[in-house]
């Protein structure tokens, strides 16, 4: 039976939903648009990669068991 919940540690595809580089965080939304997760710049991705992020940008990400992004890969 399919689940609406994402499995922790599974690499997901999605987009940057909101971005606040001054505060050092943002949100990504999964490809289906059902879930949104927070990421912290400097933890989920390198600061140099953060410069290329914009709202709507395609990314791949890995979610922790607590619903935070552990890894963010700019597509």
PDB file of N, CA and C in Angstrom:
ATOM      1  N   UNK A   1       0.838  -1.179   0.000  1.00  0.00           N
ATOM      2  CA  UNK A   1       0.000   0.000   0.000  1.00  0.00           C
ATOM      3  C   UNK A   1       0.884   1.243   0.000  1.00  0.00           C
ATOM      4  N   UNK A   2       0.702   2.161  -0.950  1.00  0.00           N
ATOM      5  CA  UNK A   2       1.523   3.378  -0.995  1.00  0.00           C
ATOM      6  C   UNK A   2       1.247   4.267   0.212  1.00  0.00           C
ATOM      7  N   UNK A   3       2.264   4.978   0.605  1.00  0.00           N
ATOM      8  CA  UNK A   3       2.149   5.866   1.757  1.00  0.00           C
ATOM      9  C   UNK A   3       2.324   7.304   1.318  1.00  0.00           C
ATOM     10  N   UNK A   4       1.641   8.236   1.996  1.00  0.00           N
ATOM     11  CA  UNK A   4       1.806   9.664   1.724  1.00  0.00           C
ATOM     12  C   UNK A   4       3.074  10.207   2.356  1.00  0.00           C
ATOM     13  N   UNK A   5       3.657   9.453   3.278  1.00  0.00           N
ATOM     14  CA  UNK A   5       4.851   9.913   3.979  1.00  0.00           C
ATOM     15  C   UNK A   5       6.090   9.511   3.203  1.00  0.00           C
ATOM     16  N   UNK A   6       7.052  10.400   3.152  1.00  0.00           N
ATOM     17  CA  UNK A   6       8.313  10.098   2.492  1.00  0.00           C
ATOM     18  C   UNK A   6       9.187   9.280   3.423  1.00  0.00           C
ATOM     19  N   UNK A   7       9.933   8.383   2.863  1.00  0.00           N
ATOM     20  CA  UNK A   7      10.824   7.539   3.640  1.00  0.00           C
ATOM     21  C   UNK A   7      12.096   8.321   3.941  1.00  0.00           C
ATOM     22  N   UNK A   8      12.527   8.323   5.210  1.00  0.00           N
ATOM     23  CA  UNK A   8      13.750   9.012   5.595  1.00  0.00           C
ATOM     24  C   UNK A   8      14.915   8.452   4.799  1.00  0.00           C
ATOM     25  N   UNK A   9      15.833   9.295   4.430  1.00  0.00           N
ATOM     26  CA  UNK A   9      17.058   8.977   3.712  1.00  0.00           C
ATOM     27  C   UNK A   9      16.855   8.674   2.238  1.00  0.00           C
ATOM     28  N   UNK A  10      15.651   8.711   1.727  1.00  0.00           N
ATOM     29  CA  UNK A  10      15.406   8.494   0.306  1.00  0.00           C
ATOM     30  C   UNK A  10      15.644   9.805  -0.438  1.00  0.00           C
ATOM     31  N   UNK A  11      16.389   9.762  -1.544  1.00  0.00           N
ATOM     32  CA  UNK A  11      16.647  10.964  -2.329  1.00  0.00           C
ATOM     33  C   UNK A  11      15.381  11.330  -3.103  1.00  0.00           C
ATOM     34  N   UNK A  12      14.900  12.533  -2.882  1.00  0.00           N
ATOM     35  CA  UNK A  12      13.657  13.019  -3.489  1.00  0.00           C
ATOM     36  C   UNK A  12      13.960  14.093  -4.527  1.00  0.00           C
ATOM     37  N   UNK A  13      13.024  14.308  -5.438  1.00  0.00           N
ATOM     38  CA  UNK A  13      13.122  15.419  -6.371  1.00  0.00           C
ATOM     39  C   UNK A  13      12.100  16.457  -5.974  1.00  0.00           C
ATOM     40  N   UNK A  14      12.443  17.711  -6.190  1.00  0.00           N
ATOM     41  CA  UNK A  14      11.517  18.777  -5.857  1.00  0.00           C
ATOM     42  C   UNK A  14      12.025  20.117  -6.323  1.00  0.00           C
ATOM     43  N   UNK A  15      11.501  21.164  -5.728  1.00  0.00           N
ATOM     44  CA  UNK A  15      11.880  22.533  -6.071  1.00  0.00           C
ATOM     45  C   UNK A  15      12.034  23.368  -4.805  1.00  0.00           C
ATOM     46  N   UNK A  16      12.777  24.446  -4.936  1.00  0.00           N
ATOM     47  CA  UNK A  16      12.908  25.398  -3.838  1.00  0.00           C
ATOM     48  C   UNK A  16      11.596  26.175  -3.758  1.00  0.00           C
ATOM     49  N   UNK A  17      10.934  26.103  -2.606  1.00  0.00           N
ATOM     50  CA  UNK A  17       9.633  26.749  -2.433  1.00  0.00           C
ATOM     51  C   UNK A  17       9.774  28.166  -1.873  1.00  0.00           C
ATOM     52  N   UNK A  18      10.651  28.318  -0.886  1.00  0.00           N
ATOM     53  CA  UNK A  18      10.923  29.626  -0.278  1.00  0.00           C
ATOM     54  C   UNK A  18      12.397  29.672   0.070  1.00  0.00           C
ATOM     55  N   UNK A  19      12.946  30.868   0.110  1.00  0.00           N
ATOM     56  CA  UNK A  19      14.377  31.016   0.360  1.00  0.00           C
ATOM     57  C   UNK A  19      14.626  32.298   1.142  1.00  0.00           C
ATOM     58  N   UNK A  20      15.394  32.166   2.218  1.00  0.00           N
ATOM     59  CA  UNK A  20      15.768  33.319   3.022  1.00  0.00           C
ATOM     60  C   UNK A  20      17.274  33.220   3.296  1.00  0.00           C
ATOM     61  N   UNK A  21      18.109  33.562   2.302  1.00  0.00           N
ATOM     62  CA  UNK A  21      19.549  33.401   2.474  1.00  0.00           C
ATOM     63  C   UNK A  21      20.123  34.246   3.603  1.00  0.00           C
ATOM     64  N   UNK A  22      19.538  35.404   3.873  1.00  0.00           N
ATOM     65  CA  UNK A  22      20.015  36.241   4.967  1.00  0.00           C
ATOM     66  C   UNK A  22      19.886  35.569   6.323  1.00  0.00           C
ATOM     67  N   UNK A  23      18.840  34.781   6.480  1.00  0.00           N
ATOM     68  CA  UNK A  23      18.618  34.057   7.728  1.00  0.00           C
ATOM     69  C   UNK A  23      19.256  32.670   7.690  1.00  0.00           C
ATOM     70  N   UNK A  24      19.695  32.233   6.492  1.00  0.00           N
ATOM     71  CA  UNK A  24      20.409  30.969   6.374  1.00  0.00           C
ATOM     72  C   UNK A  24      19.556  29.730   6.233  1.00  0.00           C
ATOM     73  N   UNK A  25      18.325  29.877   5.740  1.00  0.00           N
ATOM     74  CA  UNK A  25      17.487  28.692   5.549  1.00  0.00           C
ATOM     75  C   UNK A  25      16.518  28.893   4.397  1.00  0.00           C
ATOM     76  N   UNK A  26      15.861  27.820   4.043  1.00  0.00           N
ATOM     77  CA  UNK A  26      14.843  27.851   3.007  1.00  0.00           C
ATOM     78  C   UNK A  26      13.970  26.621   3.119  1.00  0.00           C
ATOM     79  N   UNK A  27      13.059  26.479   2.177  1.00  0.00           N
ATOM     80  CA  UNK A  27      12.149  25.342   2.155  1.00  0.00           C
ATOM     81  C   UNK A  27      12.143  24.730   0.768  1.00  0.00           C
ATOM     82  N   UNK A  28      12.067  23.413   0.719  1.00  0.00           N
ATOM     83  CA  UNK A  28      11.889  22.706  -0.544  1.00  0.00           C
ATOM     84  C   UNK A  28      10.546  21.995  -0.500  1.00  0.00           C
ATOM     85  N   UNK A  29       9.961  21.834  -1.675  1.00  0.00           N
ATOM     86  CA  UNK A  29       8.691  21.113  -1.810  1.00  0.00           C
ATOM     87  C   UNK A  29       8.951  19.903  -2.687  1.00  0.00           C
ATOM     88  N   UNK A  30       8.370  18.764  -2.316  1.00  0.00           N
ATOM     89  CA  UNK A  30       8.562  17.556  -3.113  1.00  0.00           C
ATOM     90  C   UNK A  30       7.898  17.713  -4.482  1.00  0.00           C
ATOM     91  N   UNK A  31       8.235  16.824  -5.409  1.00  0.00           N
ATOM     92  CA  UNK A  31       7.777  16.930  -6.794  1.00  0.00           C
ATOM     93  C   UNK A  31       6.256  16.896  -6.903  1.00  0.00           C
ATOM     94  N   UNK A  32       5.585  16.205  -5.982  1.00  0.00           N
ATOM     95  CA  UNK A  32       4.122  16.132  -6.011  1.00  0.00           C
ATOM     96  C   UNK A  32       3.470  17.355  -5.377  1.00  0.00           C
ATOM     97  N   UNK A  33       4.261  18.169  -4.683  1.00  0.00           N
ATOM     98  CA  UNK A  33       3.735  19.361  -4.040  1.00  0.00           C
ATOM     99  C   UNK A  33       2.964  19.091  -2.764  1.00  0.00           C
ATOM    100  N   UNK A  34       3.110  17.894  -2.209  1.00  0.00           N
ATOM    101  CA  UNK A  34       2.363  17.524  -1.001  1.00  0.00           C
ATOM    102  C   UNK A  34       3.088  17.875   0.282  1.00  0.00           C
ATOM    103  N   UNK A  35       4.424  17.870   0.251  1.00  0.00           N
ATOM    104  CA  UNK A  35       5.205  18.075   1.471  1.00  0.00           C
ATOM    105  C   UNK A  35       6.214  19.195   1.272  1.00  0.00           C
ATOM    106  N   UNK A  36       6.469  19.937   2.331  1.00  0.00           N
ATOM    107  CA  UNK A  36       7.468  20.993   2.324  1.00  0.00           C
ATOM    108  C   UNK A  36       8.410  20.746   3.502  1.00  0.00           C
ATOM    109  N   UNK A  37       9.708  20.928   3.274  1.00  0.00           N
ATOM    110  CA  UNK A  37      10.717  20.645   4.286  1.00  0.00           C
ATOM    111  C   UNK A  37      11.680  21.813   4.409  1.00  0.00           C
ATOM    112  N   UNK A  38      12.177  22.038   5.618  1.00  0.00           N
ATOM    113  CA  UNK A  38      13.133  23.116   5.864  1.00  0.00           C
ATOM    114  C   UNK A  38      14.558  22.612   5.657  1.00  0.00           C
ATOM    115  N   UNK A  39      15.408  23.489   5.137  1.00  0.00           N
ATOM    116  CA  UNK A  39      16.841  23.184   5.064  1.00  0.00           C
ATOM    117  C   UNK A  39      17.629  24.363   5.591  1.00  0.00           C
ATOM    118  N   UNK A  40      18.799  24.064   6.133  1.00  0.00           N
ATOM    119  CA  UNK A  40      19.680  25.081   6.676  1.00  0.00           C
ATOM    120  C   UNK A  40      20.905  25.185   5.777  1.00  0.00           C
ATOM    121  N   UNK A  41      21.147  26.371   5.250  1.00  0.00           N
ATOM    122  CA  UNK A  41      22.328  26.597   4.414  1.00  0.00           C
ATOM    123  C   UNK A  41      23.554  26.375   5.282  1.00  0.00           C
ATOM    124  N   UNK A  42      24.520  25.646   4.775  1.00  0.00           N
ATOM    125  CA  UNK A  42      25.722  25.335   5.540  1.00  0.00           C
ATOM    126  C   UNK A  42      25.645  23.960   6.178  1.00  0.00           C
ATOM    127  N   UNK A  43      24.463  23.418   6.306  1.00  0.00           N
ATOM    128  CA  UNK A  43      24.291  22.041   6.775  1.00  0.00           C
ATOM    129  C   UNK A  43      23.842  21.163   5.624  1.00  0.00           C
ATOM    130  N   UNK A  44      22.797  21.575   4.930  1.00  0.00           N
ATOM    131  CA  UNK A  44      22.237  20.777   3.846  1.00  0.00           C
ATOM    132  C   UNK A  44      23.030  20.949   2.548  1.00  0.00           C
ATOM    133  N   UNK A  45      23.654  22.115   2.371  1.00  0.00           N
ATOM    134  CA  UNK A  45      24.456  22.371   1.180  1.00  0.00           C
ATOM    135  C   UNK A  45      25.528  23.387   1.517  1.00  0.00           C
ATOM    136  N   UNK A  46      26.529  23.465   0.665  1.00  0.00           N
ATOM    137  CA  UNK A  46      27.632  24.406   0.874  1.00  0.00           C
ATOM    138  C   UNK A  46      27.165  25.823   0.565  1.00  0.00           C
ATOM    139  N   UNK A  47      27.767  26.784   1.241  1.00  0.00           N
ATOM    140  CA  UNK A  47      27.420  28.184   1.008  1.00  0.00           C
ATOM    141  C   UNK A  47      27.640  28.585  -0.446  1.00  0.00           C
ATOM    142  N   UNK A  48      28.664  28.017  -1.092  1.00  0.00           N
ATOM    143  CA  UNK A  48      28.915  28.358  -2.492  1.00  0.00           C
ATOM    144  C   UNK A  48      27.772  27.878  -3.384  1.00  0.00           C
ATOM    145  N   UNK A  49      27.159  26.743  -3.054  1.00  0.00           N
ATOM    146  CA  UNK A  49      26.018  26.251  -3.820  1.00  0.00           C
ATOM    147  C   UNK A  49      24.780  27.095  -3.569  1.00  0.00           C
ATOM    148  N   UNK A  50      24.682  27.669  -2.386  1.00  0.00           N
ATOM    149  CA  UNK A  50      23.505  28.463  -2.024  1.00  0.00           C
ATOM    150  C   UNK A  50      23.357  29.669  -2.939  1.00  0.00           C
ATOM    151  N   UNK A  51      24.438  30.166  -3.463  1.00  0.00           N
ATOM    152  CA  UNK A  51      24.372  31.338  -4.351  1.00  0.00           C
ATOM    153  C   UNK A  51      23.607  31.046  -5.636  1.00  0.00           C
ATOM    154  N   UNK A  52      23.533  29.782  -6.035  1.00  0.00           N
ATOM    155  CA  UNK A  52      22.840  29.420  -7.276  1.00  0.00           C
ATOM    156  C   UNK A  52      21.363  29.115  -7.052  1.00  0.00           C
ATOM    157  N   UNK A  53      20.921  29.097  -5.795  1.00  0.00           N
ATOM    158  CA  UNK A  53      19.522  28.766  -5.502  1.00  0.00           C
ATOM    159  C   UNK A  53      18.601  29.943  -5.781  1.00  0.00           C
ATOM    160  N   UNK A  54      17.462  29.629  -6.341  1.00  0.00           N
ATOM    161  CA  UNK A  54      16.383  30.589  -6.537  1.00  0.00           C
ATOM    162  C   UNK A  54      15.070  29.845  -6.305  1.00  0.00           C
ATOM    163  N   UNK A  55      14.029  30.560  -5.983  1.00  0.00           N
ATOM    164  CA  UNK A  55      12.714  29.950  -5.818  1.00  0.00           C
ATOM    165  C   UNK A  55      12.307  29.337  -7.160  1.00  0.00           C
ATOM    166  N   UNK A  56      11.848  28.097  -7.102  1.00  0.00           N
ATOM    167  CA  UNK A  56      11.447  27.378  -8.308  1.00  0.00           C
ATOM    168  C   UNK A  56      12.538  26.498  -8.892  1.00  0.00           C
ATOM    169  N   UNK A  57      13.770  26.638  -8.388  1.00  0.00           N
ATOM    170  CA  UNK A  57      14.901  25.854  -8.902  1.00  0.00           C
ATOM    171  C   UNK A  57      14.714  24.373  -8.569  1.00  0.00           C
ATOM    172  N   UNK A  58      14.996  23.510  -9.536  1.00  0.00           N
ATOM    173  CA  UNK A  58      14.908  22.060  -9.334  1.00  0.00           C
ATOM    174  C   UNK A  58      16.072  21.593  -8.462  1.00  0.00           C
ATOM    175  N   UNK A  59      15.764  20.747  -7.487  1.00  0.00           N
ATOM    176  CA  UNK A  59      16.768  20.203  -6.576  1.00  0.00           C
ATOM    177  C   UNK A  59      16.438  18.741  -6.278  1.00  0.00           C
ATOM    178  N   UNK A  60      17.430  18.046  -5.766  1.00  0.00           N
ATOM    179  CA  UNK A  60      17.227  16.723  -5.185  1.00  0.00           C
ATOM    180  C   UNK A  60      17.599  16.864  -3.719  1.00  0.00           C
ATOM    181  N   UNK A  61      16.902  16.149  -2.859  1.00  0.00           N
ATOM    182  CA  UNK A  61      17.161  16.318  -1.433  1.00  0.00           C
ATOM    183  C   UNK A  61      16.899  15.031  -0.672  1.00  0.00           C
ATOM    184  N   UNK A  62      17.550  14.943   0.489  1.00  0.00           N
ATOM    185  CA  UNK A  62      17.412  13.797   1.381  1.00  0.00           C
ATOM    186  C   UNK A  62      16.834  14.311   2.695  1.00  0.00           C
ATOM    187  N   UNK A  63      15.791  13.659   3.176  1.00  0.00           N
ATOM    188  CA  UNK A  63      15.078  14.100   4.375  1.00  0.00           C
ATOM    189  C   UNK A  63      15.458  13.229   5.562  1.00  0.00           C
ATOM    190  N   UNK A  64      15.660  13.866   6.708  1.00  0.00           N
ATOM    191  CA  UNK A  64      15.925  13.137   7.953  1.00  0.00           C
ATOM    192  C   UNK A  64      14.614  12.608   8.516  1.00  0.00           C
ATOM    193  N   UNK A  65      14.711  11.799   9.532  1.00  0.00           N
ATOM    194  CA  UNK A  65      13.527  11.286  10.204  1.00  0.00           C
ATOM    195  C   UNK A  65      12.704  12.371  10.866  1.00  0.00           C
ATOM    196  N   UNK A  66      13.294  13.533  11.123  1.00  0.00           N
ATOM    197  CA  UNK A  66      12.581  14.645  11.761  1.00  0.00           C
ATOM    198  C   UNK A  66      11.967  15.604  10.737  1.00  0.00           C
ATOM    199  N   UNK A  67      12.037  15.283   9.457  1.00  0.00           N
ATOM    200  CA  UNK A  67      11.442  16.131   8.436  1.00  0.00           C
ATOM    201  C   UNK A  67      12.283  17.307   8.009  1.00  0.00           C
ATOM    202  N   UNK A  68      13.574  17.293   8.366  1.00  0.00           N
ATOM    203  CA  UNK A  68      14.498  18.332   7.908  1.00  0.00           C
ATOM    204  C   UNK A  68      15.326  17.778   6.757  1.00  0.00           C
ATOM    205  N   UNK A  69      15.766  18.667   5.889  1.00  0.00           N
ATOM    206  CA  UNK A  69      16.621  18.271   4.779  1.00  0.00           C
ATOM    207  C   UNK A  69      18.050  18.123   5.282  1.00  0.00           C
ATOM    208  N   UNK A  70      18.605  16.924   5.114  1.00  0.00           N
ATOM    209  CA  UNK A  70      19.994  16.661   5.506  1.00  0.00           C
ATOM    210  C   UNK A  70      20.964  16.940   4.376  1.00  0.00           C
ATOM    211  N   UNK A  71      20.492  16.776   3.148  1.00  0.00           N
ATOM    212  CA  UNK A  71      21.362  16.956   1.982  1.00  0.00           C
ATOM    213  C   UNK A  71      20.525  17.579   0.874  1.00  0.00           C
ATOM    214  N   UNK A  72      21.076  18.589   0.221  1.00  0.00           N
ATOM    215  CA  UNK A  72      20.401  19.265  -0.880  1.00  0.00           C
ATOM    216  C   UNK A  72      21.369  19.330  -2.048  1.00  0.00           C
ATOM    217  N   UNK A  73      20.924  18.847  -3.208  1.00  0.00           N
ATOM    218  CA  UNK A  73      21.763  18.829  -4.402  1.00  0.00           C
ATOM    219  C   UNK A  73      21.073  19.702  -5.445  1.00  0.00           C
ATOM    220  N   UNK A  74      21.777  20.726  -5.895  1.00  0.00           N
ATOM    221  CA  UNK A  74      21.240  21.616  -6.917  1.00  0.00           C
ATOM    222  C   UNK A  74      21.277  20.885  -8.245  1.00  0.00           C
ATOM    223  N   UNK A  75      20.129  20.800  -8.901  1.00  0.00           N
ATOM    224  CA  UNK A  75      20.029  20.063 -10.175  1.00  0.00           C
ATOM    225  C   UNK A  75      20.605  20.860 -11.319  1.00  0.00           C
TER     226      UNK A  75
END
